Amino acid sequence: MADVKLTIAGRPYDVHCADGQEAQLLQLAGIVDAKARGIQGGTEVRQLLFAALMLADETQEAQNKAGNAEPQLDALRAAVALAESREAATRDELRAAVSRESAALDQASKAADREAALSAEIEKLRQGAPVVPAPAGPDHGRALGQIADRIEELAAKVEQIP
């Protein structure tokens, strides 16, 4: 326990407090002393009484303000939760869009590769070299049929070239 000497309203007081609490106790005594000295006239007891009443009033006002701030705090918490939810949904939408774009790029790349292969086959046909067809995938049947028709048309045209 620590011993602290306080002066409130001009009167000294010896007070015991827990170790390490001396500075806090001195600060609180300073607040009480300032309130008591601000009250003119009357006895020391009357000054301390009014100082205590004024501090109690200030405490009550602070508690009321804190109580009034609680609904605002709840509204702010709800707004933050909504914003976080919207952010998460937007991130999910963005990830899905990136995934769709990546798939579209993959398809475009495959189409470009097929186009290059077909161009090479057409060039071979023009030069008279035999063409070995690529194995057909299960989902490429229709496209390969169209390509084969186009190749036959081109081959017929090549044959007509003198």
C-alpha atoms as a PDB file:
ATOM      1  CA  MET A   1       0.000   0.000   0.000  1.00  0.00           C
ATOM      2  CA  ALA A   2       1.154   3.502  -0.775  1.00  0.00           C
ATOM      3  CA  ASP A   3       0.505   6.616   1.297  1.00  0.00           C
ATOM      4  CA  VAL A   4      -0.474   9.782  -0.569  1.00  0.00           C
ATOM      5  CA  LYS A   5      -0.902  13.297   0.833  1.00  0.00           C
ATOM      6  CA  LEU A   6      -3.763  15.173  -0.813  1.00  0.00           C
ATOM      7  CA  THR A   7      -4.949  18.734  -0.384  1.00  0.00           C
ATOM      8  CA  ILE A   8      -8.603  19.392  -1.122  1.00  0.00           C
ATOM      9  CA  ALA A   9     -10.245  22.765  -0.446  1.00  0.00           C
ATOM     10  CA  GLY A  10      -7.147  23.833   1.459  1.00  0.00           C
ATOM     11  CA  ARG A  11      -7.196  20.903   3.853  1.00  0.00           C
ATOM     12  CA  PRO A  12      -4.579  18.098   3.840  1.00  0.00           C
ATOM     13  CA  TYR A  13      -5.624  14.447   3.749  1.00  0.00           C
ATOM     14  CA  ASP A  14      -3.516  11.315   4.167  1.00  0.00           C
ATOM     15  CA  VAL A  15      -4.874   8.531   1.974  1.00  0.00           C
ATOM     16  CA  HIS A  16      -3.774   4.947   1.329  1.00  0.00           C
ATOM     17  CA  CYS A  17      -3.974   3.437  -2.149  1.00  0.00           C
ATOM     18  CA  ALA A  18      -2.661   0.451  -4.095  1.00  0.00           C
ATOM     19  CA  ASP A  19       0.918   0.683  -5.283  1.00  0.00           C
ATOM     20  CA  GLY A  20       1.110   2.323  -8.699  1.00  0.00           C
ATOM     21  CA  GLN A  21      -2.170   4.234  -8.239  1.00  0.00           C
ATOM     22  CA  GLU A  22      -0.620   7.312  -6.644  1.00  0.00           C
ATOM     23  CA  ALA A  23      -0.622   9.463  -9.811  1.00  0.00           C
ATOM     24  CA  GLN A  24      -4.252   8.584 -10.577  1.00  0.00           C
ATOM     25  CA  LEU A  25      -5.310   9.422  -7.021  1.00  0.00           C
ATOM     26  CA  LEU A  26      -3.481  12.759  -7.159  1.00  0.00           C
ATOM     27  CA  GLN A  27      -5.165  13.589 -10.469  1.00  0.00           C
ATOM     28  CA  LEU A  28      -8.635  12.785  -9.091  1.00  0.00           C
ATOM     29  CA  ALA A  29      -7.932  14.835  -5.952  1.00  0.00           C
ATOM     30  CA  GLY A  30      -6.946  17.745  -8.192  1.00  0.00           C
ATOM     31  CA  ILE A  31     -10.340  17.556  -9.928  1.00  0.00           C
ATOM     32  CA  VAL A  32     -12.220  17.489  -6.607  1.00  0.00           C
ATOM     33  CA  ASP A  33     -10.060  20.337  -5.239  1.00  0.00           C
ATOM     34  CA  ALA A  34     -10.737  22.489  -8.323  1.00  0.00           C
ATOM     35  CA  LYS A  35     -14.503  21.953  -7.945  1.00  0.00           C
ATOM     36  CA  ALA A  36     -14.423  22.688  -4.201  1.00  0.00           C
ATOM     37  CA  ARG A  37     -12.349  25.864  -4.669  1.00  0.00           C
ATOM     38  CA  GLY A  38     -14.762  27.032  -7.354  1.00  0.00           C
ATOM     39  CA  ILE A  39     -17.555  27.245  -4.798  1.00  0.00           C
ATOM     40  CA  GLN A  40     -17.398  30.535  -2.925  1.00  0.00           C
ATOM     41  CA  GLY A  41     -18.576  30.942   0.629  1.00  0.00           C
ATOM     42  CA  GLY A  42     -19.833  28.404   3.059  1.00  0.00           C
ATOM     43  CA  THR A  43     -18.026  25.906   5.172  1.00  0.00           C
ATOM     44  CA  GLU A  44     -15.494  23.371   4.019  1.00  0.00           C
ATOM     45  CA  VAL A  45     -18.126  20.639   4.314  1.00  0.00           C
ATOM     46  CA  ARG A  46     -20.540  22.674   2.174  1.00  0.00           C
ATOM     47  CA  GLN A  47     -17.823  23.220  -0.466  1.00  0.00           C
ATOM     48  CA  LEU A  48     -17.086  19.492  -0.567  1.00  0.00           C
ATOM     49  CA  LEU A  49     -20.808  18.661  -0.729  1.00  0.00           C
ATOM     50  CA  PHE A  50     -21.376  20.919  -3.720  1.00  0.00           C
ATOM     51  CA  ALA A  51     -18.177  19.702  -5.378  1.00  0.00           C
ATOM     52  CA  ALA A  52     -19.436  16.119  -4.983  1.00  0.00           C
ATOM     53  CA  LEU A  53     -22.860  17.080  -6.390  1.00  0.00           C
ATOM     54  CA  MET A  54     -21.286  18.845  -9.377  1.00  0.00           C
ATOM     55  CA  LEU A  55     -19.049  15.846 -10.103  1.00  0.00           C
ATOM     56  CA  ALA A  56     -22.040  13.503  -9.787  1.00  0.00           C
ATOM     57  CA  ASP A  57     -23.963  15.728 -12.238  1.00  0.00           C
ATOM     58  CA  GLU A  58     -21.079  15.649 -14.732  1.00  0.00           C
ATOM     59  CA  THR A  59     -20.845  11.878 -14.355  1.00  0.00           C
ATOM     60  CA  GLN A  60     -24.573  11.485 -14.997  1.00  0.00           C
ATOM     61  CA  GLU A  61     -24.390  13.716 -18.093  1.00  0.00           C
ATOM     62  CA  ALA A  62     -21.475  11.659 -19.434  1.00  0.00           C
ATOM     63  CA  GLN A  63     -23.411   8.435 -18.830  1.00  0.00           C
ATOM     64  CA  ASN A  64     -26.473   9.861 -20.602  1.00  0.00           C
ATOM     65  CA  LYS A  65     -24.339  10.891 -23.570  1.00  0.00           C
ATOM     66  CA  ALA A  66     -22.837   7.419 -23.685  1.00  0.00           C
ATOM     67  CA  GLY A  67     -26.329   5.897 -23.506  1.00  0.00           C
ATOM     68  CA  ASN A  68     -27.548   8.154 -26.301  1.00  0.00           C
ATOM     69  CA  ALA A  69     -24.530   7.247 -28.397  1.00  0.00           C
ATOM     70  CA  GLU A  70     -25.301   3.522 -28.124  1.00  0.00           C
ATOM     71  CA  PRO A  71     -28.059   3.517 -30.822  1.00  0.00           C
ATOM     72  CA  GLN A  72     -25.761   5.492 -33.112  1.00  0.00           C
ATOM     73  CA  LEU A  73     -23.010   3.012 -32.412  1.00  0.00           C
ATOM     74  CA  ASP A  74     -25.369   0.138 -33.240  1.00  0.00           C
ATOM     75  CA  ALA A  75     -26.350   1.854 -36.502  1.00  0.00           C
ATOM     76  CA  LEU A  76     -22.684   2.349 -37.370  1.00  0.00           C
ATOM     77  CA  ARG A  77     -21.935  -1.283 -36.594  1.00  0.00           C
ATOM     78  CA  ALA A  78     -24.808  -2.352 -38.855  1.00  0.00           C
ATOM     79  CA  ALA A  79     -23.530  -0.064 -41.628  1.00  0.00           C
ATOM     80  CA  VAL A  80     -20.037  -1.519 -41.293  1.00  0.00           C
ATOM     81  CA  ALA A  81     -21.430  -5.068 -41.414  1.00  0.00           C
ATOM     82  CA  LEU A  82     -23.447  -4.214 -44.529  1.00  0.00           C
ATOM     83  CA  ALA A  83     -20.403  -2.632 -46.186  1.00  0.00           C
ATOM     84  CA  GLU A  84     -18.289  -5.690 -45.356  1.00  0.00           C
ATOM     85  CA  SER A  85     -20.998  -7.969 -46.758  1.00  0.00           C
ATOM     86  CA  ARG A  86     -21.184  -5.932 -49.965  1.00  0.00           C
ATOM     87  CA  GLU A  87     -17.406  -5.954 -50.217  1.00  0.00           C
ATOM     88  CA  ALA A  88     -17.354  -9.748 -49.910  1.00  0.00           C
ATOM     89  CA  ALA A  89     -20.086 -10.105 -52.544  1.00  0.00           C
ATOM     90  CA  THR A  90     -18.233  -7.756 -54.872  1.00  0.00           C
ATOM     91  CA  ARG A  91     -15.015  -9.718 -54.395  1.00  0.00           C
ATOM     92  CA  ASP A  92     -16.862 -12.943 -55.222  1.00  0.00           C
ATOM     93  CA  GLU A  93     -18.349 -11.348 -58.352  1.00  0.00           C
ATOM     94  CA  LEU A  94     -14.920 -10.094 -59.358  1.00  0.00           C
ATOM     95  CA  ARG A  95     -13.379 -13.539 -58.895  1.00  0.00           C
ATOM     96  CA  ALA A  96     -16.140 -15.073 -61.014  1.00  0.00           C
ATOM     97  CA  ALA A  97     -15.612 -12.446 -63.736  1.00  0.00           C
ATOM     98  CA  VAL A  98     -11.864 -13.073 -63.737  1.00  0.00           C
ATOM     99  CA  SER A  99     -12.535 -16.806 -64.014  1.00  0.00           C
ATOM    100  CA  ARG A 100     -14.918 -16.270 -66.945  1.00  0.00           C
ATOM    101  CA  GLU A 101     -12.414 -14.011 -68.688  1.00  0.00           C
ATOM    102  CA  SER A 102      -9.650 -16.553 -68.140  1.00  0.00           C
ATOM    103  CA  ALA A 103     -11.802 -19.296 -69.665  1.00  0.00           C
ATOM    104  CA  ALA A 104     -12.640 -17.052 -72.626  1.00  0.00           C
ATOM    105  CA  LEU A 105      -8.940 -16.334 -73.142  1.00  0.00           C
ATOM    106  CA  ASP A 106      -8.179 -20.054 -73.045  1.00  0.00           C
ATOM    107  CA  GLN A 107     -10.860 -20.703 -75.662  1.00  0.00           C
ATOM    108  CA  ALA A 108      -9.534 -17.882 -77.827  1.00  0.00           C
ATOM    109  CA  SER A 109      -6.015 -19.268 -77.533  1.00  0.00           C
ATOM    110  CA  LYS A 110      -7.206 -22.744 -78.539  1.00  0.00           C
ATOM    111  CA  ALA A 111      -9.123 -21.263 -81.465  1.00  0.00           C
ATOM    112  CA  ALA A 112      -6.006 -19.393 -82.572  1.00  0.00           C
ATOM    113  CA  ASP A 113      -3.995 -22.609 -82.344  1.00  0.00           C
ATOM    114  CA  ARG A 114      -6.618 -24.446 -84.434  1.00  0.00           C
ATOM    115  CA  GLU A 115      -6.604 -21.642 -86.970  1.00  0.00           C
ATOM    116  CA  ALA A 116      -2.824 -21.804 -87.240  1.00  0.00           C
ATOM    117  CA  ALA A 117      -2.944 -25.582 -87.691  1.00  0.00           C
ATOM    118  CA  LEU A 118      -5.605 -25.272 -90.373  1.00  0.00           C
ATOM    119  CA  SER A 119      -3.634 -22.580 -92.149  1.00  0.00           C
ATOM    120  CA  ALA A 120      -0.610 -24.864 -92.114  1.00  0.00           C
ATOM    121  CA  GLU A 121      -2.694 -27.725 -93.554  1.00  0.00           C
ATOM    122  CA  ILE A 122      -4.068 -25.474 -96.266  1.00  0.00           C
ATOM    123  CA  GLU A 123      -0.542 -24.390 -97.150  1.00  0.00           C
ATOM    124  CA  LYS A 124       0.508 -28.052 -97.348  1.00  0.00           C
ATOM    125  CA  LEU A 125      -2.440 -28.738 -99.629  1.00  0.00           C
ATOM    126  CA  ARG A 126      -1.380 -25.888-101.865  1.00  0.00           C
ATOM    127  CA  GLN A 127       2.080 -27.382-102.031  1.00  0.00           C
ATOM    128  CA  GLY A 128       0.667 -30.838-102.746  1.00  0.00           C
ATOM    129  CA  ALA A 129       1.848 -32.540 -99.535  1.00  0.00           C
ATOM    130  CA  PRO A 130      -0.381 -35.164 -97.899  1.00  0.00           C
ATOM    131  CA  VAL A 131      -2.186 -33.955 -94.813  1.00  0.00           C
ATOM    132  CA  VAL A 132      -2.593 -36.139 -91.719  1.00  0.00           C
ATOM    133  CA  PRO A 133      -5.811 -35.152 -89.917  1.00  0.00           C
ATOM    134  CA  ALA A 134      -5.669 -34.420 -86.197  1.00  0.00           C
ATOM    135  CA  PRO A 135      -7.602 -36.774 -83.929  1.00  0.00           C
ATOM    136  CA  ALA A 136     -11.094 -35.490 -83.244  1.00  0.00           C
ATOM    137  CA  GLY A 137     -12.165 -34.672 -79.724  1.00  0.00           C
ATOM    138  CA  PRO A 138     -15.655 -35.573 -78.529  1.00  0.00           C
ATOM    139  CA  ASP A 139     -16.915 -31.970 -78.586  1.00  0.00           C
ATOM    140  CA  HIS A 140     -15.279 -30.970 -81.875  1.00  0.00           C
ATOM    141  CA  GLY A 141     -17.295 -33.150 -84.286  1.00  0.00           C
ATOM    142  CA  ARG A 142     -19.417 -30.411 -85.807  1.00  0.00           C
ATOM    143  CA  ALA A 143     -16.545 -27.963 -86.071  1.00  0.00           C
ATOM    144  CA  LEU A 144     -14.321 -30.605 -87.657  1.00  0.00           C
ATOM    145  CA  GLY A 145     -17.050 -31.422 -90.160  1.00  0.00           C
ATOM    146  CA  GLN A 146     -17.249 -27.776 -91.162  1.00  0.00           C
ATOM    147  CA  ILE A 147     -13.472 -27.577 -91.384  1.00  0.00           C
ATOM    148  CA  ALA A 148     -13.338 -30.733 -93.507  1.00  0.00           C
ATOM    149  CA  ASP A 149     -15.934 -29.291 -95.877  1.00  0.00           C
ATOM    150  CA  ARG A 150     -13.941 -26.102 -96.147  1.00  0.00           C
ATOM    151  CA  ILE A 151     -10.731 -28.037 -96.785  1.00  0.00           C
ATOM    152  CA  GLU A 152     -12.421 -30.023 -99.542  1.00  0.00           C
ATOM    153  CA  GLU A 153     -13.600 -26.772-101.117  1.00  0.00           C
ATOM    154  CA  LEU A 154     -10.093 -25.365-100.907  1.00  0.00           C
ATOM    155  CA  ALA A 155      -8.584 -28.572-102.264  1.00  0.00           C
ATOM    156  CA  ALA A 156     -10.944 -28.406-105.248  1.00  0.00           C
ATOM    157  CA  LYS A 157      -9.871 -24.832-105.866  1.00  0.00           C
ATOM    158  CA  VAL A 158      -6.200 -25.819-105.561  1.00  0.00           C
ATOM    159  CA  GLU A 159      -6.692 -28.557-108.142  1.00  0.00           C
ATOM    160  CA  GLN A 160      -8.105 -25.996-110.537  1.00  0.00           C
ATOM    161  CA  ILE A 161      -5.017 -23.796-110.232  1.00  0.00           C
ATOM    162  CA  PRO A 162      -2.775 -24.355-113.310  1.00  0.00           C
END
